[in-house]
């Protein structure tokens, strides 16, 4: 089938209200997650009614602001040290390479150990990394290889922390509120993505990157306090798998489930393709800001903040209205809007045009990413949640090393705008592939139908609530 008729058919199906196909839910599929009854405001913040989640969410919000300040400052430091675009991509690759190999093991760990205590240990090690980076920078002895080594150290922490954190959400809220909790987690991430880069742009210009690294190390205390204050008695513990089973057997169990469940497998394929080719903003944005737009640190921080504004709107949209939309249309629709506006971004040179474009890019990316997260979590049994969400982390964060090298190499030869254009073009191939698998082949309208009809119907029903 040629791409033009395929694209046209996808457009017609996405525009249609509901798909004509009906699939029967398998016997081992998890129970549906019903949205919270009541008005939009109550639905949008349903997960915050639970004290454990509220405590953790506030701590995460403070910590994430510091994390974003470091994320914005680290590539700028590499440029200040005379680093090339390829070195910039290498730093990003080193930070995410451990997730490519170790995140699946982190998923096995998440299903076997106390997630709260594991997160406390992981964040403590992250503090050591942040303090070391601050000390090297403030004393003026920092070199690019230091940044690379510490980025790799943080990657080792994240390879364990991210799968555990993804699975931990299901213990903080009842299943009926899991979709809302996921959306609010993303909202906190993107609220920090607005405040952190905006503040980082000012402090970079005024005090240099060392100040932001130091502040990040302090903000880790907020999430540690939040984890410490969680009441373990009110966690929604799930039965843990056999601890004596081999790691290999545990990994294969998660892989088999993913491979046999189309609405887990194909959204992850799409996420991986988009992450490798389309979502390389940590590598391309500082180069685009400095070399293409002629921005300094303040303008660079403002660009990241503008993307964060769009991402925050996308996250809150899912929290408030996501429960009333078929998930598959949100995934594919968000992906299409993302690549179109990323191409426009690569063609733009006027700051007045770049800022609204990058806001739409942020909005569409969060709708796509968060809906993939919700879709995967919706189709995963609790006993396998850690291992399957580890695959989510692997394809999302673990694909960054490949994407970092790709974007850095393209930017070094043709410039950052070419990185946006070529990346968005290659990402479009994955949209067509996944759309063909899920829509035209009709393998996974289970999510579109079961989620829209049984899970996401806005009409009141017993035991209804929203998800993380």
Protein backbone atom coordinates (compact mmCIF):
# COMPACT_ATOMS: atom_id res chain seq x y z
CA UNK A 1 0.00 0.00 0.00
CA UNK A 2 1.41 3.42 -0.90
CA UNK A 3 1.93 6.05 1.77
CA UNK A 4 -0.54 8.60 0.34
CA UNK A 5 -3.66 6.35 0.51
CA UNK A 6 -2.46 5.06 3.88
CA UNK A 7 -2.15 8.58 5.29
CA UNK A 8 -5.55 9.53 3.89
CA UNK A 9 -7.15 6.46 5.44
CA UNK A 10 -5.53 7.19 8.80
CA UNK A 11 -6.84 10.75 8.68
CA UNK A 12 -10.40 9.58 7.99
CA UNK A 13 -10.26 7.03 10.82
CA UNK A 14 -8.83 9.52 13.30
CA UNK A 15 -11.49 12.05 12.39
CA UNK A 16 -14.28 9.50 12.87
CA UNK A 17 -16.00 9.30 16.21
CA UNK A 18 -15.57 5.60 16.94
CA UNK A 19 -14.00 2.71 15.12
CA UNK A 20 -16.27 0.05 13.64
CA UNK A 21 -14.31 -2.86 15.07
CA UNK A 22 -14.99 -4.51 18.40
CA UNK A 23 -12.48 -6.77 20.09
CA UNK A 24 -13.08 -8.97 23.09
CA UNK A 25 -11.00 -8.24 26.18
CA UNK A 26 -8.66 -11.10 27.03
CA UNK A 27 -9.14 -12.96 30.27
CA UNK A 28 -5.86 -11.80 31.82
CA UNK A 29 -6.30 -8.12 30.94
CA UNK A 30 -6.37 -5.76 33.93
CA UNK A 31 -9.63 -4.33 35.13
CA UNK A 32 -10.68 -1.03 33.56
CA UNK A 33 -9.80 2.28 35.19
CA UNK A 34 -12.97 4.31 35.35
CA UNK A 35 -12.92 8.10 35.45
CA UNK A 36 -13.93 10.06 38.53
CA UNK A 37 -17.54 11.27 38.67
CA UNK A 38 -18.37 14.90 39.14
CA UNK A 39 -17.34 18.16 37.55
CA UNK A 40 -14.22 18.88 35.56
CA UNK A 41 -12.30 20.42 38.48
CA UNK A 42 -12.95 17.43 40.71
CA UNK A 43 -12.01 15.05 37.93
CA UNK A 44 -8.86 17.01 37.06
CA UNK A 45 -7.39 16.81 40.58
CA UNK A 46 -8.87 13.52 41.81
CA UNK A 47 -5.53 11.94 42.74
CA UNK A 48 -4.63 14.84 45.07
CA UNK A 49 -7.43 13.76 47.42
CA UNK A 50 -5.10 11.01 48.64
CA UNK A 51 -2.65 12.25 51.27
CA UNK A 52 0.21 9.94 50.28
CA UNK A 53 0.01 11.02 46.66
CA UNK A 54 -0.36 14.70 47.58
CA UNK A 55 2.71 14.57 49.82
CA UNK A 56 4.80 12.86 47.17
CA UNK A 57 3.53 15.14 44.38
CA UNK A 58 4.51 18.34 46.20
CA UNK A 59 8.00 17.02 46.95
CA UNK A 60 8.43 15.94 43.35
CA UNK A 61 7.33 19.35 42.07
CA UNK A 62 10.01 21.18 44.08
CA UNK A 63 12.70 18.66 43.17
CA UNK A 64 11.81 18.68 39.47
CA UNK A 65 12.24 22.46 39.30
CA UNK A 66 15.83 21.97 40.42
CA UNK A 67 16.28 19.07 38.01
CA UNK A 68 15.19 21.25 35.10
CA UNK A 69 17.59 24.00 36.18
CA UNK A 70 20.43 21.47 35.99
CA UNK A 71 19.16 20.01 32.71
CA UNK A 72 19.19 23.45 31.09
CA UNK A 73 22.53 24.45 32.62
CA UNK A 74 24.47 21.27 31.79
CA UNK A 75 24.49 21.64 27.97
CA UNK A 76 25.15 25.37 28.34
CA UNK A 77 28.20 24.53 30.48
CA UNK A 78 29.45 22.21 27.74
CA UNK A 79 29.19 25.07 25.23
CA UNK A 80 30.95 27.45 27.65
CA UNK A 81 33.78 24.92 27.89
CA UNK A 82 34.13 24.98 24.10
CA UNK A 83 32.30 21.73 23.43
CA UNK A 84 31.19 20.78 19.92
CA UNK A 85 27.64 19.74 18.92
CA UNK A 86 28.82 16.13 18.85
CA UNK A 87 30.21 16.42 22.39
CA UNK A 88 26.90 17.93 23.45
CA UNK A 89 25.10 14.91 22.03
CA UNK A 90 27.62 12.60 23.72
CA UNK A 91 26.86 14.08 27.16
CA UNK A 92 23.16 13.42 26.61
CA UNK A 93 23.90 9.93 25.30
CA UNK A 94 26.00 9.05 28.35
CA UNK A 95 23.24 10.24 30.67
CA UNK A 96 20.68 7.92 29.08
CA UNK A 97 22.78 4.94 27.95
CA UNK A 98 22.40 3.12 31.31
CA UNK A 99 18.62 3.14 30.87
CA UNK A 100 19.01 1.35 27.56
CA UNK A 101 20.66 -1.62 29.30
CA UNK A 102 19.73 -1.42 32.99
CA UNK A 103 16.13 -0.16 33.03
CA UNK A 104 14.73 -3.69 32.43
CA UNK A 105 16.63 -4.84 35.52
CA UNK A 106 15.21 -1.82 37.35
CA UNK A 107 11.77 -3.09 36.37
CA UNK A 108 12.48 -6.50 37.88
CA UNK A 109 13.64 -4.68 41.01
CA UNK A 110 10.48 -2.56 41.06
CA UNK A 111 8.30 -5.69 41.16
CA UNK A 112 10.34 -7.30 43.97
CA UNK A 113 11.38 -4.61 46.47
CA UNK A 114 9.90 -1.82 48.58
CA UNK A 115 9.54 0.98 46.02
CA UNK A 116 9.47 3.81 48.57
CA UNK A 117 12.78 2.84 50.17
CA UNK A 118 14.38 2.22 46.79
CA UNK A 119 13.42 5.73 45.65
CA UNK A 120 14.89 7.23 48.83
CA UNK A 121 18.23 5.53 48.16
CA UNK A 122 18.22 6.57 44.50
CA UNK A 123 17.56 10.22 45.30
CA UNK A 124 20.28 10.22 47.93
CA UNK A 125 22.82 9.06 45.34
CA UNK A 126 21.51 11.72 42.93
CA UNK A 127 22.29 14.36 45.55
CA UNK A 128 25.91 13.19 45.59
CA UNK A 129 26.07 13.59 41.81
CA UNK A 130 24.60 17.12 41.93
CA UNK A 131 26.89 18.24 44.76
CA UNK A 132 29.95 16.92 42.91
CA UNK A 133 28.99 18.78 39.72
CA UNK A 134 28.39 21.95 41.73
CA UNK A 135 31.75 21.67 43.52
CA UNK A 136 33.74 21.10 40.32
CA UNK A 137 32.01 23.99 38.57
CA UNK A 138 32.13 26.55 41.38
CA UNK A 139 35.85 25.91 41.91
CA UNK A 140 36.54 26.39 38.19
CA UNK A 141 38.21 23.02 37.65
CA UNK A 142 35.39 21.42 35.71
CA UNK A 143 36.19 19.91 32.31
CA UNK A 144 33.98 18.33 29.66
CA UNK A 145 35.03 14.82 30.68
CA UNK A 146 33.84 15.60 34.24
CA UNK A 147 30.43 16.55 32.87
CA UNK A 148 30.35 13.34 30.83
CA UNK A 149 31.31 11.14 33.79
CA UNK A 150 28.74 12.74 36.09
CA UNK A 151 26.06 12.51 33.40
CA UNK A 152 26.78 8.79 33.20
CA UNK A 153 26.54 8.52 37.00
CA UNK A 154 23.14 10.21 36.96
CA UNK A 155 22.12 7.83 34.19
CA UNK A 156 22.91 4.85 36.41
CA UNK A 157 20.67 6.29 39.11
CA UNK A 158 17.86 7.04 36.67
CA UNK A 159 18.01 3.53 35.18
CA UNK A 160 16.81 2.22 38.56
CA UNK A 161 14.77 5.19 39.73
CA UNK A 162 12.57 5.72 36.67
CA UNK A 163 10.99 2.23 36.42
CA UNK A 164 10.44 2.17 40.18
CA UNK A 165 8.87 5.64 40.10
CA UNK A 166 6.57 4.70 37.21
CA UNK A 167 5.36 1.63 39.09
CA UNK A 168 5.13 3.46 42.45
CA UNK A 169 2.23 5.61 41.23
CA UNK A 170 -0.07 2.59 41.35
CA UNK A 171 0.66 2.21 45.09
CA UNK A 172 -0.13 5.85 45.92
CA UNK A 173 -3.70 5.95 44.56
CA UNK A 174 -6.51 3.46 43.94
CA UNK A 175 -6.64 2.07 40.43
CA UNK A 176 -9.63 4.27 39.59
CA UNK A 177 -7.43 7.36 40.13
CA UNK A 178 -4.34 6.07 38.34
CA UNK A 179 -5.00 7.85 35.04
CA UNK A 180 -5.40 11.17 36.81
CA UNK A 181 -2.26 10.59 38.87
CA UNK A 182 -0.23 9.97 35.68
CA UNK A 183 -1.57 13.20 34.17
CA UNK A 184 -0.82 15.17 37.36
CA UNK A 185 2.68 13.66 37.54
CA UNK A 186 3.24 15.01 34.06
CA UNK A 187 1.67 18.34 35.03
CA UNK A 188 4.15 18.71 37.91
CA UNK A 189 6.99 17.76 35.56
CA UNK A 190 5.92 20.41 33.08
CA UNK A 191 5.09 23.05 35.68
CA UNK A 192 8.69 22.62 36.80
CA UNK A 193 9.66 22.68 33.11
CA UNK A 194 8.18 26.19 32.90
CA UNK A 195 9.59 27.58 36.15
CA UNK A 196 12.96 25.79 36.13
CA UNK A 197 14.26 26.89 32.70
CA UNK A 198 12.86 30.41 33.05
CA UNK A 199 14.67 30.83 36.37
CA UNK A 200 17.74 29.02 35.05
CA UNK A 201 18.04 31.46 32.15
CA UNK A 202 18.21 34.38 34.57
CA UNK A 203 20.57 32.72 37.04
CA UNK A 204 22.82 31.41 34.24
CA UNK A 205 23.34 34.97 33.05
CA UNK A 206 23.73 36.38 36.56
CA UNK A 207 25.65 33.69 38.46
CA UNK A 208 26.69 30.99 35.98
CA UNK A 209 25.79 27.28 35.85
CA UNK A 210 27.33 26.43 39.25
CA UNK A 211 24.50 28.23 41.06
CA UNK A 212 21.89 26.08 39.33
CA UNK A 213 23.76 22.85 40.10
CA UNK A 214 23.92 23.82 43.76
CA UNK A 215 20.24 24.70 43.89
CA UNK A 216 19.35 21.37 42.31
CA UNK A 217 21.23 19.49 45.02
CA UNK A 218 19.19 21.35 47.67
CA UNK A 219 15.82 20.67 46.03
CA UNK A 220 16.38 16.91 46.17
CA UNK A 221 15.66 17.28 49.88
CA UNK A 222 12.01 18.06 49.07
CA UNK A 223 11.32 14.71 47.44
CA UNK A 224 13.20 12.86 50.18
CA UNK A 225 11.05 14.57 52.81
CA UNK A 226 7.94 13.71 50.79
CA UNK A 227 8.93 10.02 50.59
CA UNK A 228 9.74 9.95 54.31
CA UNK A 229 6.32 11.42 55.20
CA UNK A 230 4.36 8.85 53.16
CA UNK A 231 2.35 6.52 55.40
CA UNK A 232 3.27 2.94 54.36
CA UNK A 233 0.05 1.64 55.92
CA UNK A 234 -2.01 3.40 53.28
CA UNK A 235 -0.04 2.26 50.24
CA UNK A 236 -1.89 0.02 47.79
CA UNK A 237 0.51 -2.89 47.95
CA UNK A 238 0.31 -5.50 45.24
CA UNK A 239 1.34 -9.10 45.49
CA UNK A 240 5.01 -9.42 44.58
CA UNK A 241 6.22 -12.11 42.21
CA UNK A 242 8.36 -14.99 43.41
CA UNK A 243 11.64 -13.44 44.59
CA UNK A 244 13.43 -16.71 43.94
CA UNK A 245 12.56 -16.73 40.25
CA UNK A 246 15.56 -15.96 38.07
CA UNK A 247 16.02 -12.45 36.76
CA UNK A 248 16.04 -13.87 33.23
CA UNK A 249 12.68 -15.57 33.77
CA UNK A 250 11.21 -12.36 35.20
CA UNK A 251 12.46 -10.31 32.28
CA UNK A 252 11.10 -12.80 29.75
CA UNK A 253 7.70 -12.76 31.43
CA UNK A 254 7.43 -8.99 30.96
CA UNK A 255 8.72 -9.20 27.38
CA UNK A 256 6.25 -11.96 26.46
CA UNK A 257 3.34 -9.97 27.83
CA UNK A 258 4.43 -6.87 25.93
CA UNK A 259 4.90 -8.74 22.66
CA UNK A 260 1.50 -10.43 22.92
CA UNK A 261 -0.43 -7.24 23.79
CA UNK A 262 -0.74 -4.92 20.76
CA UNK A 263 -1.86 -1.92 22.80
CA UNK A 264 1.34 -2.17 24.83
CA UNK A 265 3.74 -3.16 22.04
CA UNK A 266 2.86 -0.67 19.31
CA UNK A 267 2.55 2.47 21.45
CA UNK A 268 6.03 1.63 22.78
CA UNK A 269 7.32 1.27 19.20
CA UNK A 270 5.92 4.71 18.40
CA UNK A 271 7.41 6.19 21.56
CA UNK A 272 10.83 4.78 20.74
CA UNK A 273 10.79 6.13 17.18
CA UNK A 274 9.66 9.57 18.27
CA UNK A 275 12.22 9.68 21.09
CA UNK A 276 15.14 8.66 18.86
CA UNK A 277 14.44 11.01 15.96
CA UNK A 278 12.01 13.70 17.04
CA UNK A 279 12.57 14.54 20.70
CA UNK A 280 16.22 15.62 20.86
CA UNK A 281 15.64 19.09 22.26
CA UNK A 282 18.34 18.91 24.95
CA UNK A 283 20.89 18.54 22.16
CA UNK A 284 19.37 20.77 19.48
CA UNK A 285 17.71 23.59 21.42
CA UNK A 286 20.87 25.20 22.90
CA UNK A 287 22.49 25.08 19.44
CA UNK A 288 19.34 26.46 17.79
CA UNK A 289 19.10 29.25 20.39
CA UNK A 290 22.74 30.34 20.15
CA UNK A 291 23.73 29.65 16.55
CA UNK A 292 20.45 30.12 14.64
CA UNK A 293 18.53 32.69 16.67
CA UNK A 294 21.52 34.46 18.25
CA UNK A 295 20.10 34.11 21.78
CA UNK A 296 22.06 34.29 25.00
CA UNK A 297 21.37 32.33 28.19
CA UNK A 298 18.14 34.22 28.94
CA UNK A 299 16.68 33.52 25.50
CA UNK A 300 17.73 29.88 25.70
CA UNK A 301 16.00 29.49 29.06
CA UNK A 302 12.92 31.26 27.69
CA UNK A 303 12.71 28.76 24.81
CA UNK A 304 12.74 25.83 27.22
CA UNK A 305 10.16 27.60 29.39
CA UNK A 306 7.90 28.20 26.37
CA UNK A 307 8.05 24.50 25.53
CA UNK A 308 7.22 23.80 29.16
CA UNK A 309 4.14 26.03 28.98
CA UNK A 310 2.85 24.02 26.05
CA UNK A 311 3.70 20.75 27.77
CA UNK A 312 1.90 21.86 30.93
CA UNK A 313 -1.23 22.69 28.93
CA UNK A 314 -1.02 19.27 27.29
CA UNK A 315 -0.67 17.51 30.64
CA UNK A 316 -3.58 19.37 32.23
CA UNK A 317 -5.70 18.73 29.14
CA UNK A 318 -5.25 14.99 29.67
CA UNK A 319 -6.08 15.36 33.38
CA UNK A 320 -9.32 17.23 32.68
CA UNK A 321 -10.60 15.90 29.34
CA UNK A 322 -8.44 12.85 28.62
CA UNK A 323 -10.96 10.66 30.40
CA UNK A 324 -13.51 11.52 27.72
CA UNK A 325 -11.40 10.84 24.61
CA UNK A 326 -10.37 7.59 22.90
CA UNK A 327 -6.73 7.07 23.81
CA UNK A 328 -5.59 5.87 20.40
CA UNK A 329 -6.76 9.03 18.67
CA UNK A 330 -4.91 11.13 21.25
CA UNK A 331 -1.70 9.15 20.69
CA UNK A 332 -1.70 9.33 16.89
CA UNK A 333 -3.17 12.82 16.71
CA UNK A 334 -0.61 14.18 19.16
CA UNK A 335 2.19 12.52 17.22
CA UNK A 336 1.05 14.02 13.90
CA UNK A 337 0.76 17.54 15.33
CA UNK A 338 4.17 17.14 16.97
CA UNK A 339 6.08 16.27 13.78
CA UNK A 340 4.30 18.93 11.69
CA UNK A 341 5.15 21.71 14.11
CA UNK A 342 8.68 20.45 14.64
CA UNK A 343 9.19 20.74 10.87
CA UNK A 344 7.84 24.29 10.99
CA UNK A 345 10.20 25.01 13.87
CA UNK A 346 13.14 23.84 11.77
CA UNK A 347 12.10 26.23 8.98
CA UNK A 348 11.61 29.23 11.28
CA UNK A 349 14.12 31.98 12.03
CA UNK A 350 11.90 34.65 13.58
CA UNK A 351 11.73 34.56 17.42
CA UNK A 352 8.14 35.86 17.29
CA UNK A 353 7.22 32.71 15.34
CA UNK A 354 9.55 30.26 17.11
CA UNK A 355 8.01 30.74 20.56
CA UNK A 356 4.40 29.82 19.64
CA UNK A 357 5.65 26.94 17.48
CA UNK A 358 7.67 25.43 20.29
CA UNK A 359 4.71 25.78 22.65
CA UNK A 360 2.59 23.66 20.30
CA UNK A 361 5.45 21.16 20.01
CA UNK A 362 5.50 20.85 23.81
CA UNK A 363 1.71 20.51 24.02
CA UNK A 364 1.50 17.80 21.35
CA UNK A 365 4.45 15.84 22.72
CA UNK A 366 2.95 15.65 26.20
CA UNK A 367 -0.47 14.59 24.93
CA UNK A 368 1.23 11.80 22.97
CA UNK A 369 3.70 10.70 25.67
CA UNK A 370 1.25 10.85 28.56
CA UNK A 371 -1.46 9.02 26.64
CA UNK A 372 1.03 6.28 25.74
CA UNK A 373 1.88 6.02 29.45
CA UNK A 374 -1.80 5.80 30.38
CA UNK A 375 -2.51 3.26 27.64
CA UNK A 376 0.37 1.00 28.66
CA UNK A 377 -0.50 1.23 32.37
CA UNK A 378 -4.15 0.51 31.56
CA UNK A 379 -3.23 -2.76 29.84
CA UNK A 380 -0.70 -4.05 32.40
CA UNK A 381 -1.54 -6.29 35.39
CA UNK A 382 -0.16 -5.04 38.72
CA UNK A 383 2.20 -8.01 39.07
CA UNK A 384 3.94 -7.06 35.81
CA UNK A 385 3.74 -3.28 36.11
CA UNK A 386 7.37 -2.68 37.08
CA UNK A 387 8.79 -4.83 34.28
CA UNK A 388 6.54 -3.46 31.55
CA UNK A 389 7.02 0.16 32.66
CA UNK A 390 10.75 -0.54 32.60
CA UNK A 391 10.35 -1.21 28.88
CA UNK A 392 8.55 2.14 28.63
CA UNK A 393 11.56 3.78 30.29
CA UNK A 394 13.96 1.83 28.06
CA UNK A 395 12.38 2.95 24.80
CA UNK A 396 11.79 6.53 26.01
CA UNK A 397 14.90 7.40 28.01
CA UNK A 398 17.11 4.57 26.78
CA UNK A 399 16.67 5.69 23.18
CA UNK A 400 18.18 9.09 24.01
CA UNK A 401 21.80 7.94 23.45
CA UNK A 402 20.97 7.03 19.86
CA UNK A 403 18.98 10.23 19.45
CA UNK A 404 21.71 12.32 21.04
CA UNK A 405 24.35 11.03 18.65
CA UNK A 406 21.96 11.37 15.70
CA UNK A 407 20.98 14.95 16.51
CA UNK A 408 24.54 15.99 17.41
CA UNK A 409 25.96 14.57 14.19
CA UNK A 410 23.27 16.16 12.00
CA UNK A 411 23.67 19.52 13.76
CA UNK A 412 27.46 19.41 13.39
CA UNK A 413 27.22 18.86 9.62
CA UNK A 414 24.09 20.83 8.63
CA UNK A 415 23.06 22.79 11.73
CA UNK A 416 20.33 22.48 14.36
CA UNK A 417 17.39 23.32 12.02
CA UNK A 418 18.32 20.33 9.87
CA UNK A 419 18.22 18.19 13.01
CA UNK A 420 14.60 19.23 13.60
CA UNK A 421 13.59 18.67 9.97
CA UNK A 422 15.28 15.32 9.43
CA UNK A 423 14.24 14.02 12.85
CA UNK A 424 10.58 14.93 12.33
CA UNK A 425 10.63 13.32 8.87
CA UNK A 426 12.00 10.02 10.18
CA UNK A 427 9.60 10.10 13.14
CA UNK A 428 6.72 10.35 10.64
CA UNK A 429 7.62 6.89 9.34
CA UNK A 430 6.90 5.45 12.80
CA UNK A 431 3.51 7.19 12.92
CA UNK A 432 2.53 5.53 9.64
CA UNK A 433 3.86 2.14 10.78
CA UNK A 434 2.07 2.18 14.14
CA UNK A 435 -1.09 3.64 12.63
CA UNK A 436 -1.13 0.80 10.11
CA UNK A 437 -0.63 -1.81 12.83
CA UNK A 438 -3.22 -0.44 15.25
CA UNK A 439 -5.80 1.16 13.01
CA UNK A 440 -5.82 -0.39 9.56
CA UNK A 441 -5.10 -3.93 10.77
CA UNK A 442 -7.65 -3.48 13.55
CA UNK A 443 -5.48 -5.29 16.12
CA UNK A 444 -5.90 -2.80 18.91
CA UNK A 445 -9.17 -0.99 18.76
CA UNK A 446 -9.56 -2.78 22.07
CA UNK A 447 -8.14 0.40 23.61
CA UNK A 448 -10.16 2.75 21.46
CA UNK A 449 -13.39 0.87 22.20
CA UNK A 450 -12.86 -0.54 25.66
CA UNK A 451 -11.25 2.67 26.92
CA UNK A 452 -13.73 5.01 25.29
CA UNK A 453 -16.76 2.90 26.18
CA UNK A 454 -16.00 1.23 29.50
CA UNK A 455 -13.14 3.26 30.92
CA UNK A 456 -13.41 6.79 29.64
CA UNK A 457 -17.13 7.31 29.29
CA UNK A 458 -17.94 10.64 30.97
CA UNK A 459 -21.33 9.46 32.24
CA UNK A 460 -21.53 8.56 35.95
CA UNK A 461 -20.92 4.94 36.87
CA UNK A 462 -20.13 3.01 40.04
CA UNK A 463 -16.61 3.25 41.46
CA UNK A 464 -15.51 5.83 38.90
CA UNK A 465 -12.31 7.92 39.15
CA UNK A 466 -9.33 9.27 37.20
CA UNK A 467 -5.81 7.96 36.70
CA UNK A 468 -2.26 9.11 37.35
